[in-house]
mmCIF file of all heavy atoms, coordinates in Angstrom:
data_MODEL
# 
_entry.id   MODEL 
# 
loop_
_atom_site.group_PDB 
_atom_site.id 
_atom_site.type_symbol 
_atom_site.label_atom_id 
_atom_site.label_alt_id 
_atom_site.label_comp_id 
_atom_site.label_asym_id 
_atom_site.label_entity_id 
_atom_site.label_seq_id 
_atom_site.pdbx_PDB_ins_code 
_atom_site.Cartn_x 
_atom_site.Cartn_y 
_atom_site.Cartn_z 
_atom_site.occupancy 
_atom_site.B_iso_or_equiv 
_atom_site.pdbx_formal_charge 
_atom_site.auth_seq_id 
_atom_site.auth_comp_id 
_atom_site.auth_asym_id 
_atom_site.auth_atom_id 
_atom_site.pdbx_PDB_model_num 
ATOM 1   N N   . VAL A 1 1  ? -5.918  -3.690  -5.289  1.00 0.00 ? 1  VAL A N   1 
ATOM 2   C CA  . VAL A 1 1  ? -7.312  -3.887  -4.875  1.00 0.00 ? 1  VAL A CA  1 
ATOM 3   C C   . VAL A 1 1  ? -7.850  -5.219  -5.387  1.00 0.00 ? 1  VAL A C   1 
ATOM 4   O O   . VAL A 1 1  ? -8.538  -5.945  -4.650  1.00 0.00 ? 1  VAL A O   1 
ATOM 5   C CB  . VAL A 1 1  ? -8.177  -2.711  -5.352  1.00 0.00 ? 1  VAL A CB  1 
ATOM 6   C CG1 . VAL A 1 1  ? -9.658  -3.004  -5.133  1.00 0.00 ? 1  VAL A CG1 1 
ATOM 7   C CG2 . VAL A 1 1  ? -7.778  -1.433  -4.613  1.00 0.00 ? 1  VAL A CG2 1 
ATOM 8   N N   . ARG A 1 2  ? -7.521  -5.565  -6.625  1.00 0.00 ? 2  ARG A N   1 
ATOM 9   C CA  . ARG A 1 2  ? -7.989  -6.849  -7.166  1.00 0.00 ? 2  ARG A CA  1 
ATOM 10  C C   . ARG A 1 2  ? -7.404  -8.014  -6.370  1.00 0.00 ? 2  ARG A C   1 
ATOM 11  O O   . ARG A 1 2  ? -8.086  -9.009  -6.102  1.00 0.00 ? 2  ARG A O   1 
ATOM 12  C CB  . ARG A 1 2  ? -7.596  -6.961  -8.644  1.00 0.00 ? 2  ARG A CB  1 
ATOM 13  C CG  . ARG A 1 2  ? -8.386  -6.049  -9.587  1.00 0.00 ? 2  ARG A CG  1 
ATOM 14  C CD  . ARG A 1 2  ? -9.798  -6.579  -9.863  1.00 0.00 ? 2  ARG A CD  1 
ATOM 15  N NE  . ARG A 1 2  ? -9.791  -7.908  -10.441 1.00 0.00 ? 2  ARG A NE  1 
ATOM 16  C CZ  . ARG A 1 2  ? -9.591  -8.178  -11.729 1.00 0.00 ? 2  ARG A CZ  1 
ATOM 17  N NH1 . ARG A 1 2  ? -9.371  -7.174  -12.602 1.00 0.00 ? 2  ARG A NH1 1 
ATOM 18  N NH2 . ARG A 1 2  ? -9.622  -9.418  -12.174 1.00 0.00 ? 2  ARG A NH2 1 
ATOM 19  N N   . ALA A 1 3  ? -6.137  -7.914  -5.998  1.00 0.00 ? 3  ALA A N   1 
ATOM 20  C CA  . ALA A 1 3  ? -5.509  -8.977  -5.204  1.00 0.00 ? 3  ALA A CA  1 
ATOM 21  C C   . ALA A 1 3  ? -6.157  -9.082  -3.829  1.00 0.00 ? 3  ALA A C   1 
ATOM 22  O O   . ALA A 1 3  ? -6.410  -10.181 -3.326  1.00 0.00 ? 3  ALA A O   1 
ATOM 23  C CB  . ALA A 1 3  ? -4.009  -8.713  -5.076  1.00 0.00 ? 3  ALA A CB  1 
ATOM 24  N N   . ALA A 1 4  ? -6.438  -7.923  -3.207  1.00 0.00 ? 4  ALA A N   1 
ATOM 25  C CA  . ALA A 1 4  ? -7.089  -7.931  -1.891  1.00 0.00 ? 4  ALA A CA  1 
ATOM 26  C C   . ALA A 1 4  ? -8.488  -8.529  -1.975  1.00 0.00 ? 4  ALA A C   1 
ATOM 27  O O   . ALA A 1 4  ? -8.902  -9.298  -1.086  1.00 0.00 ? 4  ALA A O   1 
ATOM 28  C CB  . ALA A 1 4  ? -7.149  -6.507  -1.340  1.00 0.00 ? 4  ALA A CB  1 
ATOM 29  N N   . ASN A 1 5  ? -9.214  -8.207  -3.028  1.00 0.00 ? 5  ASN A N   1 
ATOM 30  C CA  . ASN A 1 5  ? -10.563 -8.767  -3.187  1.00 0.00 ? 5  ASN A CA  1 
ATOM 31  C C   . ASN A 1 5  ? -10.533 -10.270 -3.426  1.00 0.00 ? 5  ASN A C   1 
ATOM 32  O O   . ASN A 1 5  ? -11.465 -10.987 -3.043  1.00 0.00 ? 5  ASN A O   1 
ATOM 33  C CB  . ASN A 1 5  ? -11.289 -8.053  -4.325  1.00 0.00 ? 5  ASN A CB  1 
ATOM 34  C CG  . ASN A 1 5  ? -11.932 -6.751  -3.870  1.00 0.00 ? 5  ASN A CG  1 
ATOM 35  O OD1 . ASN A 1 5  ? -12.478 -6.677  -2.766  1.00 0.00 ? 5  ASN A OD1 1 
ATOM 36  N ND2 . ASN A 1 5  ? -11.875 -5.724  -4.714  1.00 0.00 ? 5  ASN A ND2 1 
ATOM 37  N N   . ALA A 1 6  ? -9.465  -10.755 -4.043  1.00 0.00 ? 6  ALA A N   1 
ATOM 38  C CA  . ALA A 1 6  ? -9.333  -12.203 -4.238  1.00 0.00 ? 6  ALA A CA  1 
ATOM 39  C C   . ALA A 1 6  ? -9.194  -12.905 -2.884  1.00 0.00 ? 6  ALA A C   1 
ATOM 40  O O   . ALA A 1 6  ? -9.761  -13.986 -2.666  1.00 0.00 ? 6  ALA A O   1 
ATOM 41  C CB  . ALA A 1 6  ? -8.122  -12.505 -5.118  1.00 0.00 ? 6  ALA A CB  1 
ATOM 42  N N   . VAL A 1 7  ? -8.456  -12.297 -1.975  1.00 0.00 ? 7  VAL A N   1 
ATOM 43  C CA  . VAL A 1 7  ? -8.325  -12.861 -0.628  1.00 0.00 ? 7  VAL A CA  1 
ATOM 44  C C   . VAL A 1 7  ? -9.664  -12.792 0.098   1.00 0.00 ? 7  VAL A C   1 
ATOM 45  O O   . VAL A 1 7  ? -10.084 -13.749 0.749   1.00 0.00 ? 7  VAL A O   1 
ATOM 46  C CB  . VAL A 1 7  ? -7.228  -12.120 0.164   1.00 0.00 ? 7  VAL A CB  1 
ATOM 47  C CG1 . VAL A 1 7  ? -7.159  -12.642 1.601   1.00 0.00 ? 7  VAL A CG1 1 
ATOM 48  C CG2 . VAL A 1 7  ? -5.876  -12.287 -0.520  1.00 0.00 ? 7  VAL A CG2 1 
ATOM 49  N N   . LYS A 1 8  ? -10.327 -11.665 -0.019  1.00 0.00 ? 8  LYS A N   1 
ATOM 50  C CA  . LYS A 1 8  ? -11.643 -11.503 0.620   1.00 0.00 ? 8  LYS A CA  1 
ATOM 51  C C   . LYS A 1 8  ? -12.633 -12.566 0.136   1.00 0.00 ? 8  LYS A C   1 
ATOM 52  O O   . LYS A 1 8  ? -13.408 -13.114 0.919   1.00 0.00 ? 8  LYS A O   1 
ATOM 53  C CB  . LYS A 1 8  ? -12.190 -10.111 0.314   1.00 0.00 ? 8  LYS A CB  1 
ATOM 54  C CG  . LYS A 1 8  ? -13.582 -9.847  0.879   1.00 0.00 ? 8  LYS A CG  1 
ATOM 55  C CD  . LYS A 1 8  ? -14.091 -8.467  0.473   1.00 0.00 ? 8  LYS A CD  1 
ATOM 56  C CE  . LYS A 1 8  ? -15.491 -8.216  1.014   1.00 0.00 ? 8  LYS A CE  1 
ATOM 57  N NZ  . LYS A 1 8  ? -15.993 -6.872  0.600   1.00 0.00 ? 8  LYS A NZ  1 
ATOM 58  N N   . ALA A 1 9  ? -12.575 -12.871 -1.158  1.00 0.00 ? 9  ALA A N   1 
ATOM 59  C CA  . ALA A 1 9  ? -13.513 -13.834 -1.753  1.00 0.00 ? 9  ALA A CA  1 
ATOM 60  C C   . ALA A 1 9  ? -13.104 -15.282 -1.516  1.00 0.00 ? 9  ALA A C   1 
ATOM 61  O O   . ALA A 1 9  ? -13.825 -16.205 -1.921  1.00 0.00 ? 9  ALA A O   1 
ATOM 62  C CB  . ALA A 1 9  ? -13.636 -13.576 -3.251  1.00 0.00 ? 9  ALA A CB  1 
ATOM 63  N N   . GLY A 1 10 ? -11.954 -15.512 -0.885  1.00 0.00 ? 10 GLY A N   1 
ATOM 64  C CA  . GLY A 1 10 ? -11.494 -16.867 -0.643  1.00 0.00 ? 10 GLY A CA  1 
ATOM 65  C C   . GLY A 1 10 ? -10.794 -17.495 -1.827  1.00 0.00 ? 10 GLY A C   1 
ATOM 66  O O   . GLY A 1 10 ? -10.519 -18.704 -1.835  1.00 0.00 ? 10 GLY A O   1 
ATOM 67  N N   . GLU A 1 11 ? -10.470 -16.687 -2.840  1.00 0.00 ? 11 GLU A N   1 
ATOM 68  C CA  . GLU A 1 11 ? -9.781  -17.202 -4.015  1.00 0.00 ? 11 GLU A CA  1 
ATOM 69  C C   . GLU A 1 11 ? -8.276  -17.291 -3.799  1.00 0.00 ? 11 GLU A C   1 
ATOM 70  O O   . GLU A 1 11 ? -7.562  -17.888 -4.608  1.00 0.00 ? 11 GLU A O   1 
ATOM 71  C CB  . GLU A 1 11 ? -10.081 -16.305 -5.223  1.00 0.00 ? 11 GLU A CB  1 
ATOM 72  C CG  . GLU A 1 11 ? -11.561 -16.272 -5.592  1.00 0.00 ? 11 GLU A CG  1 
ATOM 73  C CD  . GLU A 1 11 ? -11.899 -15.155 -6.562  1.00 0.00 ? 11 GLU A CD  1 
ATOM 74  O OE1 . GLU A 1 11 ? -10.969 -14.416 -6.946  1.00 0.00 ? 11 GLU A OE1 1 
ATOM 75  O OE2 . GLU A 1 11 ? -13.087 -15.015 -6.919  1.00 0.00 ? 11 GLU A OE2 1 
ATOM 76  N N   . ALA A 1 12 ? -7.793  -16.665 -2.733  1.00 0.00 ? 12 ALA A N   1 
ATOM 77  C CA  . ALA A 1 12 ? -6.378  -16.729 -2.359  1.00 0.00 ? 12 ALA A CA  1 
ATOM 78  C C   . ALA A 1 12 ? -6.290  -16.740 -0.846  1.00 0.00 ? 12 ALA A C   1 
ATOM 79  O O   . ALA A 1 12 ? -7.204  -16.290 -0.145  1.00 0.00 ? 12 ALA A O   1 
ATOM 80  C CB  . ALA A 1 12 ? -5.605  -15.558 -2.953  1.00 0.00 ? 12 ALA A CB  1 
ATOM 81  N N   . ASP A 1 13 ? -5.178  -17.259 -0.324  1.00 0.00 ? 13 ASP A N   1 
ATOM 82  C CA  . ASP A 1 13 ? -5.009  -17.413 1.126   1.00 0.00 ? 13 ASP A CA  1 
ATOM 83  C C   . ASP A 1 13 ? -4.267  -16.255 1.761   1.00 0.00 ? 13 ASP A C   1 
ATOM 84  O O   . ASP A 1 13 ? -4.305  -16.084 2.984   1.00 0.00 ? 13 ASP A O   1 
ATOM 85  C CB  . ASP A 1 13 ? -4.236  -18.702 1.418   1.00 0.00 ? 13 ASP A CB  1 
ATOM 86  C CG  . ASP A 1 13 ? -4.936  -19.923 0.849   1.00 0.00 ? 13 ASP A CG  1 
ATOM 87  O OD1 . ASP A 1 13 ? -6.096  -20.151 1.225   1.00 0.00 ? 13 ASP A OD1 1 
ATOM 88  O OD2 . ASP A 1 13 ? -4.333  -20.625 0.016   1.00 0.00 ? 13 ASP A OD2 1 
ATOM 89  N N   . ALA A 1 14 ? -3.559  -15.456 0.960   1.00 0.00 ? 14 ALA A N   1 
ATOM 90  C CA  . ALA A 1 14 ? -2.742  -14.377 1.513   1.00 0.00 ? 14 ALA A CA  1 
ATOM 91  C C   . ALA A 1 14 ? -2.525  -13.318 0.449   1.00 0.00 ? 14 ALA A C   1 
ATOM 92  O O   . ALA A 1 14 ? -2.686  -13.565 -0.750  1.00 0.00 ? 14 ALA A O   1 
ATOM 93  C CB  . ALA A 1 14 ? -1.396  -14.922 2.004   1.00 0.00 ? 14 ALA A CB  1 
ATOM 94  N N   . LEU A 1 15 ? -2.136  -12.124 0.906   1.00 0.00 ? 15 LEU A N   1 
ATOM 95  C CA  . LEU A 1 15 ? -1.918  -10.985 0.027   1.00 0.00 ? 15 LEU A CA  1 
ATOM 96  C C   . LEU A 1 15 ? -0.509  -10.450 0.220   1.00 0.00 ? 15 LEU A C   1 
ATOM 97  O O   . LEU A 1 15 ? -0.048  -10.280 1.355   1.00 0.00 ? 15 LEU A O   1 
ATOM 98  C CB  . LEU A 1 15 ? -2.939  -9.886  0.355   1.00 0.00 ? 15 LEU A CB  1 
ATOM 99  C CG  . LEU A 1 15 ? -2.758  -8.505  -0.282  1.00 0.00 ? 15 LEU A CG  1 
ATOM 100 C CD1 . LEU A 1 15 ? -2.839  -8.589  -1.806  1.00 0.00 ? 15 LEU A CD1 1 
ATOM 101 C CD2 . LEU A 1 15 ? -3.813  -7.541  0.253   1.00 0.00 ? 15 LEU A CD2 1 
ATOM 102 N N   . PHE A 1 16 ? 0.168   -10.156 -0.897  1.00 0.00 ? 16 PHE A N   1 
ATOM 103 C CA  . PHE A 1 16 ? 1.519   -9.607  -0.860  1.00 0.00 ? 16 PHE A CA  1 
ATOM 104 C C   . PHE A 1 16 ? 1.602   -8.364  -1.728  1.00 0.00 ? 16 PHE A C   1 
ATOM 105 O O   . PHE A 1 16 ? 1.050   -8.321  -2.833  1.00 0.00 ? 16 PHE A O   1 
ATOM 106 C CB  . PHE A 1 16 ? 2.537   -10.624 -1.375  1.00 0.00 ? 16 PHE A CB  1 
ATOM 107 C CG  . PHE A 1 16 ? 3.889   -10.009 -1.679  1.00 0.00 ? 16 PHE A CG  1 
ATOM 108 C CD1 . PHE A 1 16 ? 4.834   -9.859  -0.683  1.00 0.00 ? 16 PHE A CD1 1 
ATOM 109 C CD2 . PHE A 1 16 ? 4.187   -9.544  -2.960  1.00 0.00 ? 16 PHE A CD2 1 
ATOM 110 C CE1 . PHE A 1 16 ? 6.067   -9.268  -0.956  1.00 0.00 ? 16 PHE A CE1 1 
ATOM 111 C CE2 . PHE A 1 16 ? 5.415   -8.960  -3.240  1.00 0.00 ? 16 PHE A CE2 1 
ATOM 112 C CZ  . PHE A 1 16 ? 6.361   -8.819  -2.231  1.00 0.00 ? 16 PHE A CZ  1 
ATOM 113 N N   . SER A 1 17 ? 2.343   -7.345  -1.237  1.00 0.00 ? 17 SER A N   1 
ATOM 114 C CA  . SER A 1 17 ? 2.612   -6.157  -2.039  1.00 0.00 ? 17 SER A CA  1 
ATOM 115 C C   . SER A 1 17 ? 3.891   -5.484  -1.565  1.00 0.00 ? 17 SER A C   1 
ATOM 116 O O   . SER A 1 17 ? 4.245   -5.561  -0.382  1.00 0.00 ? 17 SER A O   1 
ATOM 117 C CB  . SER A 1 17 ? 1.450   -5.161  -1.947  1.00 0.00 ? 17 SER A CB  1 
ATOM 118 O OG  . SER A 1 17 ? 1.733   -3.982  -2.693  1.00 0.00 ? 17 SER A OG  1 
ATOM 119 N N   . ALA A 1 18 ? 4.574   -4.821  -2.486  1.00 0.00 ? 18 ALA A N   1 
ATOM 120 C CA  . ALA A 1 18 ? 5.704   -3.953  -2.144  1.00 0.00 ? 18 ALA A CA  1 
ATOM 121 C C   . ALA A 1 18 ? 5.338   -2.505  -2.427  1.00 0.00 ? 18 ALA A C   1 
ATOM 122 O O   . ALA A 1 18 ? 6.200   -1.642  -2.453  1.00 0.00 ? 18 ALA A O   1 
ATOM 123 C CB  . ALA A 1 18 ? 6.941   -4.356  -2.951  1.00 0.00 ? 18 ALA A CB  1 
ATOM 124 N N   . GLY A 1 19 ? 4.037   -2.249  -2.620  1.00 0.00 ? 19 GLY A N   1 
ATOM 125 C CA  . GLY A 1 19 ? 3.573   -0.943  -3.044  1.00 0.00 ? 19 GLY A CA  1 
ATOM 126 C C   . GLY A 1 19 ? 3.240   0.009   -1.911  1.00 0.00 ? 19 GLY A C   1 
ATOM 127 O O   . GLY A 1 19 ? 3.772   -0.096  -0.798  1.00 0.00 ? 19 GLY A O   1 
ATOM 128 N N   . ASN A 1 20 ? 2.320   0.919   -2.183  1.00 0.00 ? 20 ASN A N   1 
ATOM 129 C CA  . ASN A 1 20 ? 1.887   1.975   -1.270  1.00 0.00 ? 20 ASN A CA  1 
ATOM 130 C C   . ASN A 1 20 ? 1.425   1.371   0.066   1.00 0.00 ? 20 ASN A C   1 
ATOM 131 O O   . ASN A 1 20 ? 0.422   0.671   0.122   1.00 0.00 ? 20 ASN A O   1 
ATOM 132 C CB  . ASN A 1 20 ? 0.754   2.751   -1.944  1.00 0.00 ? 20 ASN A CB  1 
ATOM 133 C CG  . ASN A 1 20 ? 0.292   3.945   -1.157  1.00 0.00 ? 20 ASN A CG  1 
ATOM 134 O OD1 . ASN A 1 20 ? 0.043   3.868   0.038   1.00 0.00 ? 20 ASN A OD1 1 
ATOM 135 N ND2 . ASN A 1 20 ? 0.142   5.065   -1.846  1.00 0.00 ? 20 ASN A ND2 1 
ATOM 136 N N   . THR A 1 21 ? 2.162   1.669   1.143   1.00 0.00 ? 21 THR A N   1 
ATOM 137 C CA  . THR A 1 21 ? 1.868   1.054   2.446   1.00 0.00 ? 21 THR A CA  1 
ATOM 138 C C   . THR A 1 21 ? 0.482   1.442   2.947   1.00 0.00 ? 21 THR A C   1 
ATOM 139 O O   . THR A 1 21 ? -0.278  0.594   3.427   1.00 0.00 ? 21 THR A O   1 
ATOM 140 C CB  . THR A 1 21 ? 2.922   1.468   3.483   1.00 0.00 ? 21 THR A CB  1 
ATOM 141 O OG1 . THR A 1 21 ? 4.218   1.078   3.027   1.00 0.00 ? 21 THR A OG1 1 
ATOM 142 C CG2 . THR A 1 21 ? 2.653   0.793   4.825   1.00 0.00 ? 21 THR A CG2 1 
ATOM 143 N N   . GLY A 1 22 ? 0.145   2.726   2.834   1.00 0.00 ? 22 GLY A N   1 
ATOM 144 C CA  . GLY A 1 22 ? -1.159  3.179   3.312   1.00 0.00 ? 22 GLY A CA  1 
ATOM 145 C C   . GLY A 1 22 ? -2.299  2.527   2.559   1.00 0.00 ? 22 GLY A C   1 
ATOM 146 O O   . GLY A 1 22 ? -3.316  2.141   3.153   1.00 0.00 ? 22 GLY A O   1 
ATOM 147 N N   . ALA A 1 23 ? -2.149  2.392   1.238   1.00 0.00 ? 23 ALA A N   1 
ATOM 148 C CA  . ALA A 1 23 ? -3.194  1.752   0.439   1.00 0.00 ? 23 ALA A CA  1 
ATOM 149 C C   . ALA A 1 23 ? -3.330  0.275   0.795   1.00 0.00 ? 23 ALA A C   1 
ATOM 150 O O   . ALA A 1 23 ? -4.439  -0.275  0.817   1.00 0.00 ? 23 ALA A O   1 
ATOM 151 C CB  . ALA A 1 23 ? -2.889  1.918   -1.044  1.00 0.00 ? 23 ALA A CB  1 
ATOM 152 N N   . LEU A 1 24 ? -2.196  -0.378  1.079   1.00 0.00 ? 24 LEU A N   1 
ATOM 153 C CA  . LEU A 1 24 ? -2.255  -1.784  1.472   1.00 0.00 ? 24 LEU A CA  1 
ATOM 154 C C   . LEU A 1 24 ? -2.932  -1.928  2.832   1.00 0.00 ? 24 LEU A C   1 
ATOM 155 O O   . LEU A 1 24 ? -3.734  -2.846  3.040   1.00 0.00 ? 24 LEU A O   1 
ATOM 156 C CB  . LEU A 1 24 ? -0.855  -2.394  1.508   1.00 0.00 ? 24 LEU A CB  1 
ATOM 157 C CG  . LEU A 1 24 ? -0.819  -3.898  1.791   1.00 0.00 ? 24 LEU A CG  1 
ATOM 158 C CD1 . LEU A 1 24 ? -1.509  -4.681  0.676   1.00 0.00 ? 24 LEU A CD1 1 
ATOM 159 C CD2 . LEU A 1 24 ? 0.619   -4.398  1.968   1.00 0.00 ? 24 LEU A CD2 1 
ATOM 160 N N   . LEU A 1 25 ? -2.628  -1.040  3.766   1.00 0.00 ? 25 LEU A N   1 
ATOM 161 C CA  . LEU A 1 25 ? -3.303  -1.053  5.060   1.00 0.00 ? 25 LEU A CA  1 
ATOM 162 C C   . LEU A 1 25 ? -4.805  -0.871  4.888   1.00 0.00 ? 25 LEU A C   1 
ATOM 163 O O   . LEU A 1 25 ? -5.605  -1.597  5.489   1.00 0.00 ? 25 LEU A O   1 
ATOM 164 C CB  . LEU A 1 25 ? -2.745  0.054   5.958   1.00 0.00 ? 25 LEU A CB  1 
ATOM 165 C CG  . LEU A 1 25 ? -1.412  -0.222  6.635   1.00 0.00 ? 25 LEU A CG  1 
ATOM 166 C CD1 . LEU A 1 25 ? -0.795  1.073   7.159   1.00 0.00 ? 25 LEU A CD1 1 
ATOM 167 C CD2 . LEU A 1 25 ? -1.592  -1.216  7.780   1.00 0.00 ? 25 LEU A CD2 1 
ATOM 168 N N   . SER A 1 26 ? -5.192  0.084   4.055   1.00 0.00 ? 26 SER A N   1 
ATOM 169 C CA  . SER A 1 26 ? -6.615  0.321   3.804   1.00 0.00 ? 26 SER A CA  1 
ATOM 170 C C   . SER A 1 26 ? -7.269  -0.903  3.172   1.00 0.00 ? 26 SER A C   1 
ATOM 171 O O   . SER A 1 26 ? -8.378  -1.301  3.549   1.00 0.00 ? 26 SER A O   1 
ATOM 172 C CB  . SER A 1 26 ? -6.795  1.546   2.889   1.00 0.00 ? 26 SER A CB  1 
ATOM 173 O OG  . SER A 1 26 ? -6.278  2.709   3.506   1.00 0.00 ? 26 SER A OG  1 
ATOM 174 N N   . SER A 1 27 ? -6.592  -1.512  2.216   1.00 0.00 ? 27 SER A N   1 
ATOM 175 C CA  . SER A 1 27 ? -7.131  -2.711  1.568   1.00 0.00 ? 27 SER A CA  1 
ATOM 176 C C   . SER A 1 27 ? -7.262  -3.858  2.552   1.00 0.00 ? 27 SER A C   1 
ATOM 177 O O   . SER A 1 27 ? -8.250  -4.610  2.530   1.00 0.00 ? 27 SER A O   1 
ATOM 178 C CB  . SER A 1 27 ? -6.224  -3.124  0.403   1.00 0.00 ? 27 SER A CB  1 
ATOM 179 O OG  . SER A 1 27 ? -6.154  -2.109  -0.579  1.00 0.00 ? 27 SER A OG  1 
ATOM 180 N N   . ALA A 1 28 ? -6.274  -3.993  3.437   1.00 0.00 ? 28 ALA A N   1 
ATOM 181 C CA  . ALA A 1 28 ? -6.319  -5.066  4.430   1.00 0.00 ? 28 ALA A CA  1 
ATOM 182 C C   . ALA A 1 28 ? -7.482  -4.873  5.394   1.00 0.00 ? 28 ALA A C   1 
ATOM 183 O O   . ALA A 1 28 ? -8.216  -5.820  5.709   1.00 0.00 ? 28 ALA A O   1 
ATOM 184 C CB  . ALA A 1 28 ? -5.000  -5.113  5.200   1.00 0.00 ? 28 ALA A CB  1 
# 
């Protein structure tokens, strides 16, 4: 969630994870 929020805030250009697929979809 912290990584996804960094992308949302413009602090990062992309998000990567090897974790929970459903949670990553929800975060995206």
